[in-house]
Amino acid sequence: MTTEHQDESDAALAEPSWNLRAVTWLSGTQFFMFGIAIGVMTVAWAEVIRSLDLSDGFFGTAHLLLPVVGLVTLLAAKRIYRYLDHRWIGIYGQLALIGLLVMLAVSDHFVGLLIAFVLAGLGSALVDTATNSVFMEIQARGGREVMNMMYAINSGGTVISALGAGALISMGMDYRWVAVLFAVIMAPVLVASFVIMYPPVNQDEPEQAPGAAEVEGDVGLLKLMRNPLFRVVFVMTVLGIAVESIVQVWSVIYVDQLLDAPIVYGGAAFALFSLTMMIGRMINAWLVSALGIRRSFLISAVGTALSGGLLMAAFDLWLSVFAFLLMGIAIAGVQPTCLSAAARVAPSRVNIVAAAMMVPAYAAFIATPTAYGWLSDATSLNTAMVLVVAAGVGVGALALSRPIAEADRAAAPAESGDPTLTAQA
C-alpha cells in the first residue's frame, strides 16, 4: 500500500466510531449499486442478443470474458492491496461498473459488447473484494454477523433495477437509454466514496480463530487451501454461485424464448428471484443460529434441487416463476454463510480471504453460463436446468462433511451467550 493510502487508513482508525458507521453505510450502498448494475445487465442481455442477432451458445461463450477478467483481477488481489486500500479499490470498481452501462448505451457492435463484459468483470471483482473485506472488518470489530444483511441489500438493488429496467423496456424505452439512466443513478455513490475514510487493511485480531494458525502471515490462495474448512466452503461457494449465475445470465432469456412471454415477465422472474434471495438472506442468520450451519446448507440443497427439477419440467409460465422464487430463497444463504465461515480461517487477513473466496464465484461464472448455453443448444433451455439440480445435490453432500460439522460445533458456544466462548469462536 502506498504511503498516502496508509496515512488515510491510519487517520480513519483514529476517527471516532461514527466514521465506522459511515463506512458501513457507504459500503452497503456500494453493494446496493452493484446489485443495481447486475439487474440492468441481466435484463439487457435478452435485448442485446436480439439486437446483435447472437445464438445462445455464442453469447454464453462471449460472456466468458466477464468472469475471466474478474478471476484474473481476484488472483492479483494480493498485489493490488500493496498499492490500494479498500476505498480506492471500491472507487475503481464503481468506475468500471458505470463504464459498463455507458458502453452498453453507446455501442451497437459486438466489439462494444466484449468491452462491456471486460468492464463488468473488472468492476464486479473490485467491488466484491472491497465491500466483502469491509464487511468482514465490521464483523470483527462489532462482534455481530452482518454479511447476510449486506447481501440482502445487494439483492434489493437487483430487484429494483431488474423490475425497473424490464418495465421501461416493455414500455418502449430502448435498453441503451435504460443503461444511461441507471449509470446516472449510480454516480452520486461514486462521488461519496472519495470523501469517507476507511479503516486500515488487515487489522490484527486479539485472538486467532480455530484453525487460523496454519494460514496466518503472508497468506495466499494456495496456503488457504490447506485448511479443510476453507476447501469445503470454497467448493460450496462454486456450487451456490453456479446456480446464481445461471439465473443471472439465462432467466430472462429462459422466459423470453422458452415460454414466449414479454420481456417484462422475464425481468419480473429475475426480480422475484432476487427478492426471495433478499428475504432468504435476511432470515438466514436466524436460521443458522436456530438450526446450525449444516441444517441451513441442507435446506438450501433440497430447495435448490427441487426448483431445478420444476424448471426442467417447464409446464407453464407461473410454475416457472414459482421455481425461480423457490430457488432464490433456497440458495440465498450459501454464499454469505460460506464467507462468514471462511473469515474464521485467517481473521487478520480478511482482504485476502475475501478475494480468495470470490475466486470460486468467478470460476463458476466462467464454467456454468457457458456450459448452460451449449447444453441448451444441444437439448433445450429447460433440460439444461439439470445443472441446477446437480448443484443442489452437491451442496447437500458437502453439508454432511466433517469440516462443516466441526464449524457447526465451533459456532454453538457463541450462540449460548457466554462472552468468553464467543471471543474464542
Protein backbone atom coordinates (compact mmCIF):
# COMPACT_ATOMS: atom_id res chain seq x y z
CA MET A 1 0.00 0.00 0.00
CA THR A 2 1.37 3.49 -0.79
CA THR A 3 2.29 5.94 2.00
CA GLU A 4 -0.57 8.26 1.03
CA HIS A 5 -3.18 5.49 1.26
CA GLN A 6 -1.67 4.17 4.52
CA ASP A 7 -1.84 7.65 6.06
CA GLU A 8 -5.52 7.91 5.10
CA SER A 9 -6.21 4.49 6.62
CA ASP A 10 -4.33 5.41 9.83
CA ALA A 11 -6.41 8.56 10.08
CA ALA A 12 -9.57 6.51 9.65
CA LEU A 13 -8.56 4.26 12.56
CA ALA A 14 -8.10 7.30 14.80
CA GLU A 15 -11.54 8.69 13.97
CA PRO A 16 -14.45 8.18 16.41
CA SER A 17 -16.94 5.37 15.95
CA TRP A 18 -19.27 7.45 13.77
CA ASN A 19 -16.71 7.10 10.98
CA LEU A 20 -17.09 3.32 11.03
CA ARG A 21 -20.85 3.77 10.81
CA ALA A 22 -20.28 5.98 7.77
CA VAL A 23 -18.07 3.29 6.22
CA THR A 24 -20.76 0.69 6.92
CA TRP A 25 -23.39 2.87 5.26
CA LEU A 26 -21.22 3.64 2.24
CA SER A 27 -20.10 0.03 1.72
CA GLY A 28 -23.70 -1.15 1.96
CA THR A 29 -24.74 1.49 -0.57
CA GLN A 30 -21.91 0.47 -2.91
CA PHE A 31 -23.10 -3.13 -2.67
CA PHE A 32 -26.64 -1.96 -3.37
CA MET A 33 -25.42 -0.15 -6.51
CA PHE A 34 -23.53 -3.30 -7.51
CA GLY A 35 -26.90 -5.05 -7.36
CA ILE A 36 -28.38 -2.27 -9.49
CA ALA A 37 -25.77 -2.91 -12.19
CA ILE A 38 -26.39 -6.69 -12.07
CA GLY A 39 -30.14 -6.22 -12.54
CA VAL A 40 -29.74 -3.89 -15.52
CA MET A 41 -27.20 -6.21 -17.16
CA THR A 42 -29.38 -9.26 -16.74
CA VAL A 43 -32.46 -7.67 -18.28
CA ALA A 44 -30.43 -6.05 -21.07
CA TRP A 45 -28.80 -9.31 -22.24
CA ALA A 46 -32.00 -10.56 -23.87
CA GLU A 47 -32.25 -7.30 -25.82
CA VAL A 48 -28.55 -7.40 -26.72
CA ILE A 49 -28.86 -10.95 -28.09
CA ARG A 50 -31.79 -9.85 -30.22
CA SER A 51 -30.10 -6.61 -31.35
CA LEU A 52 -26.82 -8.31 -32.34
CA ASP A 53 -28.52 -11.49 -33.62
CA LEU A 54 -26.42 -13.88 -31.47
CA SER A 55 -27.04 -17.56 -30.73
CA ASP A 56 -27.37 -18.71 -27.13
CA GLY A 57 -24.15 -20.70 -27.30
CA PHE A 58 -22.20 -17.85 -28.87
CA PHE A 59 -23.48 -15.35 -26.30
CA GLY A 60 -22.63 -17.74 -23.47
CA THR A 61 -19.09 -18.11 -24.80
CA ALA A 62 -18.61 -14.35 -25.21
CA HIS A 63 -19.92 -13.92 -21.66
CA LEU A 64 -16.79 -15.80 -20.53
CA LEU A 65 -14.89 -12.51 -20.67
CA LEU A 66 -16.80 -11.22 -17.63
CA PRO A 67 -15.76 -13.95 -15.16
CA VAL A 68 -12.31 -14.47 -16.71
CA VAL A 69 -11.41 -10.80 -16.19
CA GLY A 70 -12.94 -10.97 -12.71
CA LEU A 71 -10.97 -14.10 -11.86
CA VAL A 72 -7.66 -12.62 -13.06
CA THR A 73 -8.37 -9.49 -11.01
CA LEU A 74 -9.06 -11.54 -7.88
CA LEU A 75 -5.91 -13.62 -8.32
CA ALA A 76 -3.99 -10.33 -8.40
CA ALA A 77 -5.72 -9.03 -5.24
CA LYS A 78 -2.69 -9.64 -3.05
CA ARG A 79 -0.61 -7.36 -5.27
CA ILE A 80 -3.39 -4.81 -5.65
CA TYR A 81 -3.65 -4.40 -1.87
CA ARG A 82 0.03 -3.45 -1.75
CA TYR A 83 -0.83 -0.21 -3.55
CA LEU A 84 -4.53 0.42 -2.84
CA ASP A 85 -6.81 0.24 0.18
CA HIS A 86 -10.49 -0.73 0.47
CA ARG A 87 -11.70 2.71 -0.54
CA TRP A 88 -9.69 3.08 -3.75
CA ILE A 89 -10.37 -0.47 -4.86
CA GLY A 90 -14.10 0.26 -4.40
CA ILE A 91 -13.81 3.52 -6.35
CA TYR A 92 -12.13 1.88 -9.33
CA GLY A 93 -14.71 -0.90 -9.22
CA GLN A 94 -17.58 1.58 -9.32
CA LEU A 95 -15.97 3.43 -12.23
CA ALA A 96 -15.77 0.16 -14.16
CA LEU A 97 -19.44 -0.70 -13.47
CA ILE A 98 -20.61 2.74 -14.58
CA GLY A 99 -18.37 2.37 -17.64
CA LEU A 100 -20.09 -0.96 -18.39
CA LEU A 101 -23.52 0.72 -18.52
CA VAL A 102 -22.18 3.56 -20.64
CA MET A 103 -20.63 1.06 -23.06
CA LEU A 104 -23.95 -0.78 -23.41
CA ALA A 105 -25.55 2.58 -24.17
CA VAL A 106 -23.14 3.83 -26.83
CA SER A 107 -22.17 0.63 -28.64
CA ASP A 108 -24.18 -1.21 -31.28
CA HIS A 109 -21.38 -3.57 -32.32
CA PHE A 110 -20.18 -6.92 -30.99
CA VAL A 111 -16.81 -5.39 -30.01
CA GLY A 112 -18.66 -2.99 -27.70
CA LEU A 113 -20.32 -5.96 -26.02
CA LEU A 114 -16.91 -7.55 -25.41
CA ILE A 115 -15.64 -4.31 -23.84
CA ALA A 116 -18.76 -4.24 -21.67
CA PHE A 117 -18.01 -7.78 -20.48
CA VAL A 118 -14.43 -6.76 -19.59
CA LEU A 119 -15.63 -3.74 -17.59
CA ALA A 120 -18.29 -5.86 -15.87
CA GLY A 121 -15.70 -8.43 -14.78
CA LEU A 122 -13.24 -5.82 -13.54
CA GLY A 123 -15.87 -3.79 -11.71
CA SER A 124 -17.55 -6.81 -10.13
CA ALA A 125 -14.28 -8.25 -8.80
CA LEU A 126 -13.06 -4.95 -7.36
CA VAL A 127 -16.36 -4.02 -5.70
CA ASP A 128 -16.80 -7.58 -4.39
CA THR A 129 -13.30 -7.58 -2.88
CA ALA A 130 -13.54 -4.13 -1.31
CA THR A 131 -17.01 -4.48 0.16
CA ASN A 132 -16.62 -8.05 1.43
CA SER A 133 -13.35 -7.10 3.11
CA VAL A 134 -15.04 -4.18 4.86
CA PHE A 135 -17.97 -6.38 5.91
CA MET A 136 -15.51 -8.85 7.47
CA GLU A 137 -13.73 -5.98 9.24
CA ILE A 138 -17.08 -4.74 10.58
CA GLN A 139 -17.94 -8.22 11.85
CA ALA A 140 -14.56 -8.49 13.60
CA ARG A 141 -14.90 -5.04 15.21
CA GLY A 142 -18.57 -5.22 16.17
CA GLY A 143 -18.78 -8.89 17.04
CA ARG A 144 -22.02 -9.38 15.13
CA GLU A 145 -22.89 -11.01 11.81
CA VAL A 146 -23.58 -8.50 9.04
CA MET A 147 -22.78 -10.50 5.91
CA ASN A 148 -26.30 -11.81 5.30
CA MET A 149 -27.84 -8.35 5.72
CA MET A 150 -25.33 -6.76 3.35
CA TYR A 151 -26.03 -9.44 0.75
CA ALA A 152 -29.74 -8.80 1.26
CA ILE A 153 -29.09 -5.14 0.44
CA ASN A 154 -27.26 -6.23 -2.72
CA SER A 155 -30.23 -8.39 -3.73
CA GLY A 156 -32.55 -5.45 -3.08
CA GLY A 157 -30.67 -3.36 -5.63
CA THR A 158 -31.00 -6.18 -8.16
CA VAL A 159 -34.75 -6.44 -7.52
CA ILE A 160 -35.32 -2.73 -8.08
CA SER A 161 -33.21 -2.45 -11.22
CA ALA A 162 -34.49 -5.68 -12.80
CA LEU A 163 -38.12 -4.63 -12.31
CA GLY A 164 -37.41 -1.07 -13.38
CA ALA A 165 -35.36 -1.96 -16.45
CA GLY A 166 -37.83 -4.64 -17.55
CA ALA A 167 -40.78 -2.27 -17.18
CA LEU A 168 -39.06 0.60 -19.02
CA ILE A 169 -38.04 -1.65 -21.93
CA SER A 170 -41.54 -3.11 -22.15
CA MET A 171 -42.98 0.42 -22.30
CA GLY A 172 -40.82 1.11 -25.34
CA MET A 173 -37.65 2.66 -23.94
CA ASP A 174 -34.51 1.48 -25.73
CA TYR A 175 -32.27 -0.57 -23.45
CA ARG A 176 -29.43 1.86 -24.22
CA TRP A 177 -31.30 4.73 -22.56
CA VAL A 178 -32.17 2.45 -19.66
CA ALA A 179 -28.43 1.82 -19.16
CA VAL A 180 -27.73 5.57 -19.20
CA LEU A 181 -30.46 6.21 -16.63
CA PHE A 182 -29.06 3.71 -14.14
CA ALA A 183 -25.48 4.91 -14.72
CA VAL A 184 -26.62 8.39 -13.63
CA ILE A 185 -28.28 6.89 -10.53
CA MET A 186 -25.01 5.19 -9.55
CA ALA A 187 -22.86 8.34 -9.90
CA PRO A 188 -23.61 10.03 -6.51
CA VAL A 189 -22.36 6.99 -4.56
CA LEU A 190 -19.11 7.12 -6.53
CA VAL A 191 -18.70 10.78 -5.54
CA ALA A 192 -19.36 9.96 -1.86
CA SER A 193 -16.66 7.27 -2.00
CA PHE A 194 -13.98 9.95 -2.43
CA VAL A 195 -14.94 11.61 0.87
CA ILE A 196 -15.36 8.93 3.56
CA MET A 197 -12.26 7.44 5.23
CA TYR A 198 -11.91 3.68 5.62
CA PRO A 199 -10.38 1.52 8.38
CA PRO A 200 -6.90 0.10 7.77
CA VAL A 201 -6.42 -3.12 5.86
CA ASN A 202 -5.60 -6.32 7.80
CA GLN A 203 -6.18 -5.40 11.43
CA ASP A 204 -4.60 -7.96 13.72
CA GLU A 205 -7.09 -9.77 15.90
CA PRO A 206 -6.51 -10.24 19.66
CA GLU A 207 -7.47 -13.90 19.37
CA GLN A 208 -6.95 -16.27 16.48
CA ALA A 209 -9.87 -18.27 15.24
CA PRO A 210 -9.72 -22.06 15.47
CA GLY A 211 -7.61 -23.41 12.62
CA ALA A 212 -6.22 -19.98 11.77
CA ALA A 213 -2.62 -20.54 12.87
CA GLU A 214 -1.61 -22.56 9.85
CA VAL A 215 -2.68 -19.86 7.38
CA GLU A 216 -1.81 -16.60 9.18
CA GLY A 217 1.03 -14.40 7.99
CA ASP A 218 1.74 -13.91 4.31
CA VAL A 219 -1.31 -15.81 3.07
CA GLY A 220 -2.40 -16.59 -0.44
CA LEU A 221 -4.97 -18.82 -2.11
CA LEU A 222 -2.72 -21.91 -2.13
CA LYS A 223 -1.93 -21.53 1.57
CA LEU A 224 -5.60 -21.02 2.42
CA MET A 225 -6.48 -24.19 0.53
CA ARG A 226 -4.53 -26.22 3.09
CA ASN A 227 -7.29 -25.56 5.59
CA PRO A 228 -10.05 -28.24 5.38
CA LEU A 229 -12.90 -25.85 6.22
CA PHE A 230 -11.73 -23.35 3.61
CA ARG A 231 -11.61 -26.08 0.95
CA VAL A 232 -15.18 -27.18 1.66
CA VAL A 233 -16.71 -23.69 1.73
CA PHE A 234 -14.67 -22.85 -1.37
CA VAL A 235 -16.36 -25.67 -3.32
CA MET A 236 -19.77 -24.92 -1.81
CA THR A 237 -19.40 -21.33 -2.99
CA VAL A 238 -18.70 -22.63 -6.51
CA LEU A 239 -21.97 -24.59 -6.44
CA GLY A 240 -24.01 -21.76 -4.94
CA ILE A 241 -22.73 -19.18 -7.42
CA ALA A 242 -23.20 -21.66 -10.27
CA VAL A 243 -26.94 -21.55 -9.57
CA GLU A 244 -26.97 -17.76 -9.20
CA SER A 245 -25.00 -17.33 -12.44
CA ILE A 246 -27.47 -19.44 -14.43
CA VAL A 247 -30.35 -17.30 -13.19
CA GLN A 248 -28.46 -14.04 -13.67
CA VAL A 249 -27.47 -14.77 -17.27
CA TRP A 250 -30.29 -17.00 -18.51
CA SER A 251 -33.52 -16.41 -16.52
CA VAL A 252 -34.82 -13.57 -18.72
CA ILE A 253 -33.80 -15.47 -21.85
CA TYR A 254 -35.47 -18.64 -20.49
CA VAL A 255 -38.81 -16.87 -20.02
CA ASP A 256 -38.48 -14.83 -23.22
CA GLN A 257 -37.63 -17.72 -25.57
CA LEU A 258 -38.92 -20.92 -23.96
CA LEU A 259 -42.22 -19.57 -22.64
CA ASP A 260 -42.65 -16.88 -25.34
CA ALA A 261 -43.56 -14.24 -22.75
CA PRO A 262 -42.95 -10.45 -22.95
CA ILE A 263 -39.59 -9.34 -21.57
CA VAL A 264 -41.27 -7.67 -18.59
CA TYR A 265 -42.18 -11.17 -17.36
CA GLY A 266 -38.58 -12.29 -17.65
CA GLY A 267 -37.42 -9.21 -15.79
CA ALA A 268 -40.09 -9.87 -13.16
CA ALA A 269 -39.00 -13.51 -12.78
CA PHE A 270 -35.40 -12.45 -12.19
CA ALA A 271 -36.52 -9.64 -9.86
CA LEU A 272 -38.64 -12.07 -7.85
CA PHE A 273 -35.69 -14.46 -7.67
CA SER A 274 -33.58 -11.60 -6.30
CA LEU A 275 -36.39 -10.58 -3.92
CA THR A 276 -36.61 -14.05 -2.43
CA MET A 277 -32.81 -14.10 -2.15
CA MET A 278 -33.01 -10.82 -0.24
CA ILE A 279 -35.65 -12.25 2.11
CA GLY A 280 -33.72 -15.50 2.48
CA ARG A 281 -30.54 -13.67 3.39
CA MET A 282 -32.36 -11.55 5.95
CA ILE A 283 -33.62 -14.67 7.76
CA ASN A 284 -30.55 -16.83 7.16
CA ALA A 285 -28.65 -15.53 10.19
CA TRP A 286 -31.58 -16.61 12.38
CA LEU A 287 -31.78 -19.94 10.56
CA VAL A 288 -28.10 -20.68 11.16
CA SER A 289 -28.47 -19.65 14.81
CA ALA A 290 -31.57 -21.81 15.34
CA LEU A 291 -30.66 -24.91 13.34
CA GLY A 292 -26.92 -24.69 12.74
CA ILE A 293 -24.77 -24.31 9.64
CA ARG A 294 -25.20 -27.89 8.43
CA ARG A 295 -29.01 -27.89 8.52
CA SER A 296 -29.10 -24.48 6.85
CA PHE A 297 -27.00 -25.86 3.99
CA LEU A 298 -29.18 -28.98 3.74
CA ILE A 299 -32.35 -26.87 3.47
CA SER A 300 -30.65 -24.87 0.70
CA ALA A 301 -29.68 -28.07 -1.08
CA VAL A 302 -33.17 -29.58 -1.08
CA GLY A 303 -34.84 -26.35 -2.21
CA THR A 304 -32.31 -25.79 -4.99
CA ALA A 305 -32.59 -29.32 -6.39
CA LEU A 306 -36.41 -29.15 -6.28
CA SER A 307 -36.52 -25.78 -8.06
CA GLY A 308 -34.19 -27.09 -10.77
CA GLY A 309 -36.50 -30.06 -11.29
CA LEU A 310 -39.52 -27.77 -11.69
CA LEU A 311 -37.67 -25.66 -14.27
CA MET A 312 -36.73 -28.80 -16.17
CA ALA A 313 -40.45 -29.61 -16.39
CA ALA A 314 -41.27 -26.11 -17.73
CA PHE A 315 -45.04 -26.73 -17.61
CA ASP A 316 -46.09 -23.09 -17.77
CA LEU A 317 -45.03 -19.53 -17.00
CA TRP A 318 -46.33 -19.34 -13.44
CA LEU A 319 -44.83 -22.65 -12.37
CA SER A 320 -41.50 -21.48 -13.75
CA VAL A 321 -41.80 -18.17 -11.87
CA PHE A 322 -42.58 -20.13 -8.68
CA ALA A 323 -39.48 -22.27 -9.31
CA PHE A 324 -37.32 -19.13 -9.56
CA LEU A 325 -38.85 -17.92 -6.28
CA LEU A 326 -38.06 -21.21 -4.56
CA MET A 327 -34.55 -21.24 -5.98
CA GLY A 328 -33.90 -17.71 -4.73
CA ILE A 329 -34.89 -18.39 -1.14
CA ALA A 330 -33.13 -21.78 -1.16
CA ILE A 331 -29.75 -20.65 -2.49
CA ALA A 332 -29.74 -17.32 -0.63
CA GLY A 333 -27.71 -18.33 2.40
CA VAL A 334 -24.99 -20.40 0.77
CA GLN A 335 -22.50 -17.69 -0.25
CA PRO A 336 -22.77 -15.35 2.79
CA THR A 337 -22.62 -18.29 5.23
CA CYS A 338 -19.56 -19.63 3.41
CA LEU A 339 -17.92 -16.18 3.59
CA SER A 340 -18.59 -15.89 7.32
CA ALA A 341 -17.09 -19.36 7.88
CA ALA A 342 -14.05 -18.52 5.75
CA ALA A 343 -13.37 -15.37 7.81
CA ARG A 344 -12.54 -17.68 10.75
CA VAL A 345 -9.65 -19.20 8.82
CA ALA A 346 -7.46 -16.04 8.77
CA PRO A 347 -9.21 -13.25 10.73
CA SER A 348 -6.34 -10.75 10.43
CA ARG A 349 -6.10 -11.12 6.64
CA VAL A 350 -9.71 -10.62 5.69
CA ASN A 351 -8.91 -8.78 2.46
CA ILE A 352 -7.01 -11.80 1.11
CA VAL A 353 -9.66 -14.23 2.38
CA ALA A 354 -12.43 -12.15 0.78
CA ALA A 355 -10.62 -12.09 -2.56
CA ALA A 356 -9.85 -15.82 -2.34
CA MET A 357 -13.50 -16.64 -1.65
CA MET A 358 -14.54 -14.64 -4.69
CA VAL A 359 -12.26 -16.79 -6.89
CA PRO A 360 -14.72 -19.73 -6.88
CA ALA A 361 -17.56 -17.34 -7.56
CA TYR A 362 -15.97 -16.08 -10.77
CA ALA A 363 -14.76 -19.57 -11.67
CA ALA A 364 -18.41 -20.65 -11.53
CA PHE A 365 -19.34 -17.72 -13.76
CA ILE A 366 -16.74 -18.93 -16.25
CA ALA A 367 -17.95 -22.51 -16.42
CA THR A 368 -21.67 -22.52 -15.68
CA PRO A 369 -23.32 -19.99 -18.04
CA THR A 370 -21.15 -21.27 -20.88
CA ALA A 371 -21.98 -24.90 -20.13
CA TYR A 372 -25.65 -23.99 -19.80
CA GLY A 373 -25.61 -22.16 -23.15
CA TRP A 374 -24.09 -25.04 -25.08
CA LEU A 375 -26.16 -27.65 -23.24
CA SER A 376 -29.32 -25.71 -24.09
CA ASP A 377 -28.21 -25.57 -27.74
CA ALA A 378 -27.79 -29.36 -27.71
CA THR A 379 -31.01 -30.07 -25.78
CA SER A 380 -33.27 -27.23 -24.63
CA LEU A 381 -33.33 -24.33 -22.20
CA ASN A 382 -35.35 -26.33 -19.69
CA THR A 383 -33.37 -29.59 -19.92
CA ALA A 384 -30.16 -27.66 -19.24
CA MET A 385 -31.56 -26.83 -15.78
CA VAL A 386 -30.22 -30.24 -14.74
CA LEU A 387 -27.10 -28.23 -13.78
CA VAL A 388 -29.14 -26.58 -11.00
CA VAL A 389 -30.27 -29.98 -9.73
CA ALA A 390 -26.67 -31.21 -9.69
CA ALA A 391 -25.53 -28.11 -7.77
CA GLY A 392 -28.21 -28.68 -5.13
CA VAL A 393 -27.15 -32.29 -4.68
CA GLY A 394 -23.52 -31.20 -4.37
CA VAL A 395 -24.29 -28.64 -1.65
CA GLY A 396 -26.18 -31.31 0.28
CA ALA A 397 -23.31 -33.80 0.05
CA LEU A 398 -20.73 -31.25 1.24
CA ALA A 399 -23.01 -30.16 4.10
CA LEU A 400 -22.56 -33.67 5.52
CA SER A 401 -18.75 -33.38 5.54
CA ARG A 402 -16.61 -33.31 8.68
CA PRO A 403 -15.34 -29.68 8.37
CA ILE A 404 -18.93 -28.38 8.27
CA ALA A 405 -19.80 -30.49 11.34
CA GLU A 406 -16.77 -29.04 13.18
CA ALA A 407 -17.72 -25.49 12.14
CA ASP A 408 -21.21 -26.16 13.47
CA ARG A 409 -19.81 -27.24 16.83
CA ALA A 410 -17.43 -24.27 16.97
CA ALA A 411 -20.30 -21.86 16.37
CA ALA A 412 -22.53 -23.44 19.04
CA PRO A 413 -20.76 -21.92 22.09
CA ALA A 414 -21.11 -18.43 20.59
CA GLU A 415 -24.85 -18.90 20.45
CA SER A 416 -25.03 -19.81 24.14
CA GLY A 417 -24.28 -16.25 25.16
CA ASP A 418 -21.01 -16.95 27.03
CA PRO A 419 -18.78 -13.95 26.21
CA THR A 420 -15.57 -15.90 26.75
CA LEU A 421 -16.61 -18.64 24.38
CA THR A 422 -17.89 -16.05 21.93
CA ALA A 423 -14.48 -14.38 21.82
CA GLN A 424 -12.80 -17.72 21.21
CA ALA A 425 -15.18 -18.58 18.37
